[in-house]
């Protein structure tokens, strides 16, 4: 038996013998689908409008990752 648990899962009580493996679900296809759905123009516009860009090395990459994370959490 394999259990795929959700964040915040509190578990269940069980009496008896069992072999249980808990592992995360395979989310690669979900991540790939999310990235496929991103409109690069909207991402470009949203990142350049961010107020947390600091001019430091990698700022655009950090901005893109932050923007994608925000969009993913609101999806």
PDB file of N, CA and C in Angstrom:
ATOM      1  N   UNK A   1       0.851  -1.160   0.000  1.00  0.00           N
ATOM      2  CA  UNK A   1       0.000   0.000   0.000  1.00  0.00           C
ATOM      3  C   UNK A   1       0.898   1.224   0.000  1.00  0.00           C
ATOM      4  N   UNK A   2       0.593   2.166  -0.841  1.00  0.00           N
ATOM      5  CA  UNK A   2       1.303   3.440  -0.864  1.00  0.00           C
ATOM      6  C   UNK A   2       0.290   4.534  -0.570  1.00  0.00           C
ATOM      7  N   UNK A   3       0.623   5.390   0.374  1.00  0.00           N
ATOM      8  CA  UNK A   3      -0.241   6.516   0.718  1.00  0.00           C
ATOM      9  C   UNK A   3       0.374   7.792   0.176  1.00  0.00           C
ATOM     10  N   UNK A   4      -0.414   8.579  -0.485  1.00  0.00           N
ATOM     11  CA  UNK A   4       0.020   9.895  -0.930  1.00  0.00           C
ATOM     12  C   UNK A   4      -0.661  10.893  -0.013  1.00  0.00           C
ATOM     13  N   UNK A   5       0.132  11.594   0.763  1.00  0.00           N
ATOM     14  CA  UNK A   5      -0.448  12.440   1.802  1.00  0.00           C
ATOM     15  C   UNK A   5      -0.456  13.905   1.388  1.00  0.00           C
ATOM     16  N   UNK A   6      -1.443  14.586   1.890  1.00  0.00           N
ATOM     17  CA  UNK A   6      -1.567  16.022   1.655  1.00  0.00           C
ATOM     18  C   UNK A   6      -0.860  16.767   2.773  1.00  0.00           C
ATOM     19  N   UNK A   7      -0.476  17.992   2.488  1.00  0.00           N
ATOM     20  CA  UNK A   7       0.152  18.837   3.484  1.00  0.00           C
ATOM     21  C   UNK A   7      -0.782  18.966   4.690  1.00  0.00           C
ATOM     22  N   UNK A   8      -0.223  18.801   5.867  1.00  0.00           N
ATOM     23  CA  UNK A   8      -1.024  18.913   7.075  1.00  0.00           C
ATOM     24  C   UNK A   8      -1.698  17.615   7.495  1.00  0.00           C
ATOM     25  N   UNK A   9      -1.396  16.522   6.786  1.00  0.00           N
ATOM     26  CA  UNK A   9      -1.991  15.219   7.087  1.00  0.00           C
ATOM     27  C   UNK A   9      -1.624  14.813   8.499  1.00  0.00           C
ATOM     28  N   UNK A  10      -2.597  14.405   9.262  1.00  0.00           N
ATOM     29  CA  UNK A  10      -2.379  14.053  10.670  1.00  0.00           C
ATOM     30  C   UNK A  10      -2.268  12.547  10.888  1.00  0.00           C
ATOM     31  N   UNK A  11      -2.500  11.747   9.876  1.00  0.00           N
ATOM     32  CA  UNK A  11      -2.357  10.307  10.012  1.00  0.00           C
ATOM     33  C   UNK A  11      -3.649   9.622  10.432  1.00  0.00           C
ATOM     34  N   UNK A  12      -3.572   8.306  10.501  1.00  0.00           N
ATOM     35  CA  UNK A  12      -4.725   7.516  10.928  1.00  0.00           C
ATOM     36  C   UNK A  12      -4.249   6.503  11.960  1.00  0.00           C
ATOM     37  N   UNK A  13      -5.178   5.984  12.730  1.00  0.00           N
ATOM     38  CA  UNK A  13      -4.840   4.946  13.693  1.00  0.00           C
ATOM     39  C   UNK A  13      -5.058   3.596  13.035  1.00  0.00           C
ATOM     40  N   UNK A  14      -4.172   2.654  13.355  1.00  0.00           N
ATOM     41  CA  UNK A  14      -4.269   1.323  12.773  1.00  0.00           C
ATOM     42  C   UNK A  14      -3.789   0.312  13.785  1.00  0.00           C
ATOM     43  N   UNK A  15      -4.540  -0.761  13.921  1.00  0.00           N
ATOM     44  CA  UNK A  15      -4.114  -1.861  14.778  1.00  0.00           C
ATOM     45  C   UNK A  15      -3.952  -3.079  13.890  1.00  0.00           C
ATOM     46  N   UNK A  16      -2.802  -3.721  13.984  1.00  0.00           N
ATOM     47  CA  UNK A  16      -2.556  -4.899  13.172  1.00  0.00           C
ATOM     48  C   UNK A  16      -1.200  -4.809  12.508  1.00  0.00           C
ATOM     49  N   UNK A  17      -1.031  -5.588  11.455  1.00  0.00           N
ATOM     50  CA  UNK A  17       0.221  -5.666  10.740  1.00  0.00           C
ATOM     51  C   UNK A  17       0.078  -4.988   9.385  1.00  0.00           C
ATOM     52  N   UNK A  18       1.033  -4.136   9.031  1.00  0.00           N
ATOM     53  CA  UNK A  18       0.963  -3.479   7.731  1.00  0.00           C
ATOM     54  C   UNK A  18       2.351  -3.023   7.318  1.00  0.00           C
ATOM     55  N   UNK A  19       2.558  -2.948   6.047  1.00  0.00           N
ATOM     56  CA  UNK A  19       3.770  -2.361   5.484  1.00  0.00           C
ATOM     57  C   UNK A  19       3.317  -1.119   4.748  1.00  0.00           C
ATOM     58  N   UNK A  20       3.628   0.023   5.290  1.00  0.00           N
ATOM     59  CA  UNK A  20       3.150   1.281   4.722  1.00  0.00           C
ATOM     60  C   UNK A  20       4.341   2.113   4.290  1.00  0.00           C
ATOM     61  N   UNK A  21       4.276   2.610   3.074  1.00  0.00           N
ATOM     62  CA  UNK A  21       5.298   3.498   2.540  1.00  0.00           C
ATOM     63  C   UNK A  21       4.616   4.823   2.248  1.00  0.00           C
ATOM     64  N   UNK A  22       5.148   5.904   2.781  1.00  0.00           N
ATOM     65  CA  UNK A  22       4.595   7.229   2.521  1.00  0.00           C
ATOM     66  C   UNK A  22       5.589   7.977   1.658  1.00  0.00           C
ATOM     67  N   UNK A  23       5.121   8.434   0.518  1.00  0.00           N
ATOM     68  CA  UNK A  23       5.993   9.167  -0.392  1.00  0.00           C
ATOM     69  C   UNK A  23       5.186  10.255  -1.085  1.00  0.00           C
ATOM     70  N   UNK A  24       5.869  11.279  -1.543  1.00  0.00           N
ATOM     71  CA  UNK A  24       5.140  12.346  -2.236  1.00  0.00           C
ATOM     72  C   UNK A  24       4.628  11.848  -3.590  1.00  0.00           C
ATOM     73  N   UNK A  25       3.572  12.466  -4.053  1.00  0.00           N
ATOM     74  CA  UNK A  25       3.065  12.129  -5.377  1.00  0.00           C
ATOM     75  C   UNK A  25       4.036  12.636  -6.430  1.00  0.00           C
ATOM     76  N   UNK A  26       3.974  12.069  -7.606  1.00  0.00           N
ATOM     77  CA  UNK A  26       4.827  12.507  -8.713  1.00  0.00           C
ATOM     78  C   UNK A  26       4.208  13.769  -9.306  1.00  0.00           C
ATOM     79  N   UNK A  27       4.808  14.892  -9.011  1.00  0.00           N
ATOM     80  CA  UNK A  27       4.234  16.168  -9.430  1.00  0.00           C
ATOM     81  C   UNK A  27       4.946  16.770 -10.641  1.00  0.00           C
ATOM     82  N   UNK A  28       5.830  16.001 -11.262  1.00  0.00           N
ATOM     83  CA  UNK A  28       6.567  16.551 -12.402  1.00  0.00           C
ATOM     84  C   UNK A  28       5.639  17.033 -13.501  1.00  0.00           C
ATOM     85  N   UNK A  29       4.607  16.243 -13.801  1.00  0.00           N
ATOM     86  CA  UNK A  29       3.686  16.645 -14.868  1.00  0.00           C
ATOM     87  C   UNK A  29       2.881  17.879 -14.485  1.00  0.00           C
ATOM     88  N   UNK A  30       2.602  18.046 -13.216  1.00  0.00           N
ATOM     89  CA  UNK A  30       1.874  19.231 -12.754  1.00  0.00           C
ATOM     90  C   UNK A  30       2.748  20.477 -12.918  1.00  0.00           C
ATOM     91  N   UNK A  31       4.005  20.355 -12.505  1.00  0.00           N
ATOM     92  CA  UNK A  31       4.938  21.484 -12.631  1.00  0.00           C
ATOM     93  C   UNK A  31       5.149  21.830 -14.103  1.00  0.00           C
ATOM     94  N   UNK A  32       5.360  20.815 -14.930  1.00  0.00           N
ATOM     95  CA  UNK A  32       5.566  21.059 -16.362  1.00  0.00           C
ATOM     96  C   UNK A  32       4.333  21.711 -16.983  1.00  0.00           C
ATOM     97  N   UNK A  33       3.154  21.257 -16.606  1.00  0.00           N
ATOM     98  CA  UNK A  33       1.920  21.862 -17.122  1.00  0.00           C
ATOM     99  C   UNK A  33       1.776  23.307 -16.694  1.00  0.00           C
ATOM    100  N   UNK A  34       2.129  23.593 -15.439  1.00  0.00           N
ATOM    101  CA  UNK A  34       2.076  24.974 -14.953  1.00  0.00           C
ATOM    102  C   UNK A  34       3.015  25.859 -15.759  1.00  0.00           C
ATOM    103  N   UNK A  35       4.252  25.389 -15.952  1.00  0.00           N
ATOM    104  CA  UNK A  35       5.222  26.184 -16.705  1.00  0.00           C
ATOM    105  C   UNK A  35       4.808  26.341 -18.161  1.00  0.00           C
ATOM    106  N   UNK A  36       4.199  25.306 -18.749  1.00  0.00           N
ATOM    107  CA  UNK A  36       3.708  25.413 -20.124  1.00  0.00           C
ATOM    108  C   UNK A  36       2.618  26.470 -20.249  1.00  0.00           C
ATOM    109  N   UNK A  37       1.856  26.658 -19.191  1.00  0.00           N
ATOM    110  CA  UNK A  37       0.737  27.608 -19.219  1.00  0.00           C
ATOM    111  C   UNK A  37       1.172  29.055 -18.995  1.00  0.00           C
ATOM    112  N   UNK A  38       2.416  29.263 -18.587  1.00  0.00           N
ATOM    113  CA  UNK A  38       2.888  30.626 -18.306  1.00  0.00           C
ATOM    114  C   UNK A  38       3.093  31.377 -19.618  1.00  0.00           C
ATOM    115  N   UNK A  39       2.485  32.526 -19.703  1.00  0.00           N
ATOM    116  CA  UNK A  39       2.678  33.423 -20.849  1.00  0.00           C
ATOM    117  C   UNK A  39       3.937  34.235 -20.573  1.00  0.00           C
ATOM    118  N   UNK A  40       4.961  34.058 -21.381  1.00  0.00           N
ATOM    119  CA  UNK A  40       6.246  34.719 -21.111  1.00  0.00           C
ATOM    120  C   UNK A  40       6.105  36.234 -21.119  1.00  0.00           C
ATOM    121  N   UNK A  41       5.176  36.764 -21.906  1.00  0.00           N
ATOM    122  CA  UNK A  41       4.992  38.220 -21.935  1.00  0.00           C
ATOM    123  C   UNK A  41       4.463  38.723 -20.597  1.00  0.00           C
ATOM    124  N   UNK A  42       3.486  37.984 -20.050  1.00  0.00           N
ATOM    125  CA  UNK A  42       2.928  38.373 -18.749  1.00  0.00           C
ATOM    126  C   UNK A  42       3.969  38.202 -17.644  1.00  0.00           C
ATOM    127  N   UNK A  43       4.766  37.147 -17.738  1.00  0.00           N
ATOM    128  CA  UNK A  43       5.825  36.942 -16.751  1.00  0.00           C
ATOM    129  C   UNK A  43       6.843  38.071 -16.821  1.00  0.00           C
ATOM    130  N   UNK A  44       7.257  38.418 -18.030  1.00  0.00           N
ATOM    131  CA  UNK A  44       8.216  39.505 -18.227  1.00  0.00           C
ATOM    132  C   UNK A  44       7.681  40.804 -17.638  1.00  0.00           C
ATOM    133  N   UNK A  45       6.435  41.107 -17.944  1.00  0.00           N
ATOM    134  CA  UNK A  45       5.803  42.338 -17.452  1.00  0.00           C
ATOM    135  C   UNK A  45       5.695  42.336 -15.929  1.00  0.00           C
ATOM    136  N   UNK A  46       5.267  41.211 -15.359  1.00  0.00           N
ATOM    137  CA  UNK A  46       5.091  41.118 -13.908  1.00  0.00           C
ATOM    138  C   UNK A  46       6.427  41.227 -13.172  1.00  0.00           C
ATOM    139  N   UNK A  47       7.451  40.589 -13.710  1.00  0.00           N
ATOM    140  CA  UNK A  47       8.758  40.628 -13.044  1.00  0.00           C
ATOM    141  C   UNK A  47       9.341  42.032 -13.087  1.00  0.00           C
ATOM    142  N   UNK A  48       9.261  42.680 -14.230  1.00  0.00           N
ATOM    143  CA  UNK A  48       9.825  44.033 -14.342  1.00  0.00           C
ATOM    144  C   UNK A  48       9.072  45.043 -13.487  1.00  0.00           C
ATOM    145  N   UNK A  49       7.827  44.738 -13.123  1.00  0.00           N
ATOM    146  CA  UNK A  49       7.035  45.646 -12.282  1.00  0.00           C
ATOM    147  C   UNK A  49       7.212  45.362 -10.787  1.00  0.00           C
ATOM    148  N   UNK A  50       7.974  44.339 -10.440  1.00  0.00           N
ATOM    149  CA  UNK A  50       8.156  43.991  -9.029  1.00  0.00           C
ATOM    150  C   UNK A  50       8.944  45.084  -8.310  1.00  0.00           C
ATOM    151  N   UNK A  51       8.606  45.308  -7.063  1.00  0.00           N
ATOM    152  CA  UNK A  51       9.328  46.320  -6.288  1.00  0.00           C
ATOM    153  C   UNK A  51      10.442  45.712  -5.438  1.00  0.00           C
ATOM    154  N   UNK A  52      10.649  44.407  -5.559  1.00  0.00           N
ATOM    155  CA  UNK A  52      11.711  43.782  -4.769  1.00  0.00           C
ATOM    156  C   UNK A  52      12.978  43.519  -5.581  1.00  0.00           C
ATOM    157  N   UNK A  53      13.063  44.042  -6.792  1.00  0.00           N
ATOM    158  CA  UNK A  53      14.299  43.922  -7.568  1.00  0.00           C
ATOM    159  C   UNK A  53      15.314  44.894  -6.979  1.00  0.00           C
ATOM    160  N   UNK A  54      16.531  44.407  -6.782  1.00  0.00           N
ATOM    161  CA  UNK A  54      17.516  45.228  -6.078  1.00  0.00           C
ATOM    162  C   UNK A  54      18.737  45.591  -6.909  1.00  0.00           C
ATOM    163  N   UNK A  55      18.783  45.179  -8.163  1.00  0.00           N
ATOM    164  CA  UNK A  55      19.929  45.493  -9.000  1.00  0.00           C
ATOM    165  C   UNK A  55      21.120  44.576  -8.788  1.00  0.00           C
ATOM    166  N   UNK A  56      20.969  43.624  -7.885  1.00  0.00           N
ATOM    167  CA  UNK A  56      22.060  42.699  -7.590  1.00  0.00           C
ATOM    168  C   UNK A  56      22.162  41.588  -8.613  1.00  0.00           C
ATOM    169  N   UNK A  57      23.219  40.810  -8.513  1.00  0.00           N
ATOM    170  CA  UNK A  57      23.401  39.692  -9.429  1.00  0.00           C
ATOM    171  C   UNK A  57      22.221  38.708  -9.354  1.00  0.00           C
ATOM    172  N   UNK A  58      21.744  38.301 -10.501  1.00  0.00           N
ATOM    173  CA  UNK A  58      20.659  37.330 -10.555  1.00  0.00           C
ATOM    174  C   UNK A  58      19.295  37.887 -10.215  1.00  0.00           C
ATOM    175  N   UNK A  59      19.146  39.209 -10.202  1.00  0.00           N
ATOM    176  CA  UNK A  59      17.872  39.781  -9.771  1.00  0.00           C
ATOM    177  C   UNK A  59      16.702  39.359 -10.644  1.00  0.00           C
ATOM    178  N   UNK A  60      16.914  39.249 -11.951  1.00  0.00           N
ATOM    179  CA  UNK A  60      15.800  38.861 -12.813  1.00  0.00           C
ATOM    180  C   UNK A  60      15.412  37.400 -12.593  1.00  0.00           C
ATOM    181  N   UNK A  61      16.397  36.550 -12.401  1.00  0.00           N
ATOM    182  CA  UNK A  61      16.097  35.144 -12.122  1.00  0.00           C
ATOM    183  C   UNK A  61      15.367  35.027 -10.794  1.00  0.00           C
ATOM    184  N   UNK A  62      15.852  35.724  -9.769  1.00  0.00           N
ATOM    185  CA  UNK A  62      15.173  35.710  -8.474  1.00  0.00           C
ATOM    186  C   UNK A  62      13.764  36.260  -8.598  1.00  0.00           C
ATOM    187  N   UNK A  63      13.613  37.314  -9.391  1.00  0.00           N
ATOM    188  CA  UNK A  63      12.291  37.902  -9.607  1.00  0.00           C
ATOM    189  C   UNK A  63      11.357  36.937 -10.311  1.00  0.00           C
ATOM    190  N   UNK A  64      11.870  36.228 -11.328  1.00  0.00           N
ATOM    191  CA  UNK A  64      11.039  35.254 -12.043  1.00  0.00           C
ATOM    192  C   UNK A  64      10.616  34.115 -11.126  1.00  0.00           C
ATOM    193  N   UNK A  65      11.564  33.605 -10.349  1.00  0.00           N
ATOM    194  CA  UNK A  65      11.222  32.512  -9.433  1.00  0.00           C
ATOM    195  C   UNK A  65      10.195  32.962  -8.402  1.00  0.00           C
ATOM    196  N   UNK A  66      10.366  34.161  -7.875  1.00  0.00           N
ATOM    197  CA  UNK A  66       9.414  34.680  -6.889  1.00  0.00           C
ATOM    198  C   UNK A  66       8.035  34.860  -7.515  1.00  0.00           C
ATOM    199  N   UNK A  67       7.993  35.385  -8.736  1.00  0.00           N
ATOM    200  CA  UNK A  67       6.716  35.608  -9.411  1.00  0.00           C
ATOM    201  C   UNK A  67       6.029  34.280  -9.719  1.00  0.00           C
ATOM    202  N   UNK A  68       6.773  33.318 -10.230  1.00  0.00           N
ATOM    203  CA  UNK A  68       6.208  32.004 -10.524  1.00  0.00           C
ATOM    204  C   UNK A  68       5.693  31.336  -9.251  1.00  0.00           C
ATOM    205  N   UNK A  69       6.423  31.494  -8.161  1.00  0.00           N
ATOM    206  CA  UNK A  69       5.988  30.922  -6.875  1.00  0.00           C
ATOM    207  C   UNK A  69       4.664  31.552  -6.435  1.00  0.00           C
ATOM    208  N   UNK A  70       4.581  32.884  -6.545  1.00  0.00           N
ATOM    209  CA  UNK A  70       3.337  33.572  -6.167  1.00  0.00           C
ATOM    210  C   UNK A  70       2.174  33.095  -7.023  1.00  0.00           C
ATOM    211  N   UNK A  71       2.393  32.988  -8.333  1.00  0.00           N
ATOM    212  CA  UNK A  71       1.334  32.518  -9.211  1.00  0.00           C
ATOM    213  C   UNK A  71       0.943  31.078  -8.884  1.00  0.00           C
ATOM    214  N   UNK A  72       1.929  30.229  -8.599  1.00  0.00           N
ATOM    215  CA  UNK A  72       1.651  28.832  -8.274  1.00  0.00           C
ATOM    216  C   UNK A  72       0.818  28.729  -6.990  1.00  0.00           C
ATOM    217  N   UNK A  73       1.138  29.528  -5.987  1.00  0.00           N
ATOM    218  CA  UNK A  73       0.401  29.483  -4.732  1.00  0.00           C
ATOM    219  C   UNK A  73      -1.019  30.018  -4.877  1.00  0.00           C
ATOM    220  N   UNK A  74      -1.240  30.882  -5.855  1.00  0.00           N
ATOM    221  CA  UNK A  74      -2.592  31.427  -6.041  1.00  0.00           C
ATOM    222  C   UNK A  74      -3.408  30.628  -7.044  1.00  0.00           C
ATOM    223  N   UNK A  75      -2.784  29.614  -7.659  1.00  0.00           N
ATOM    224  CA  UNK A  75      -3.503  28.803  -8.676  1.00  0.00           C
ATOM    225  C   UNK A  75      -4.490  27.883  -8.026  1.00  0.00           C
TER     226      UNK A  75
END
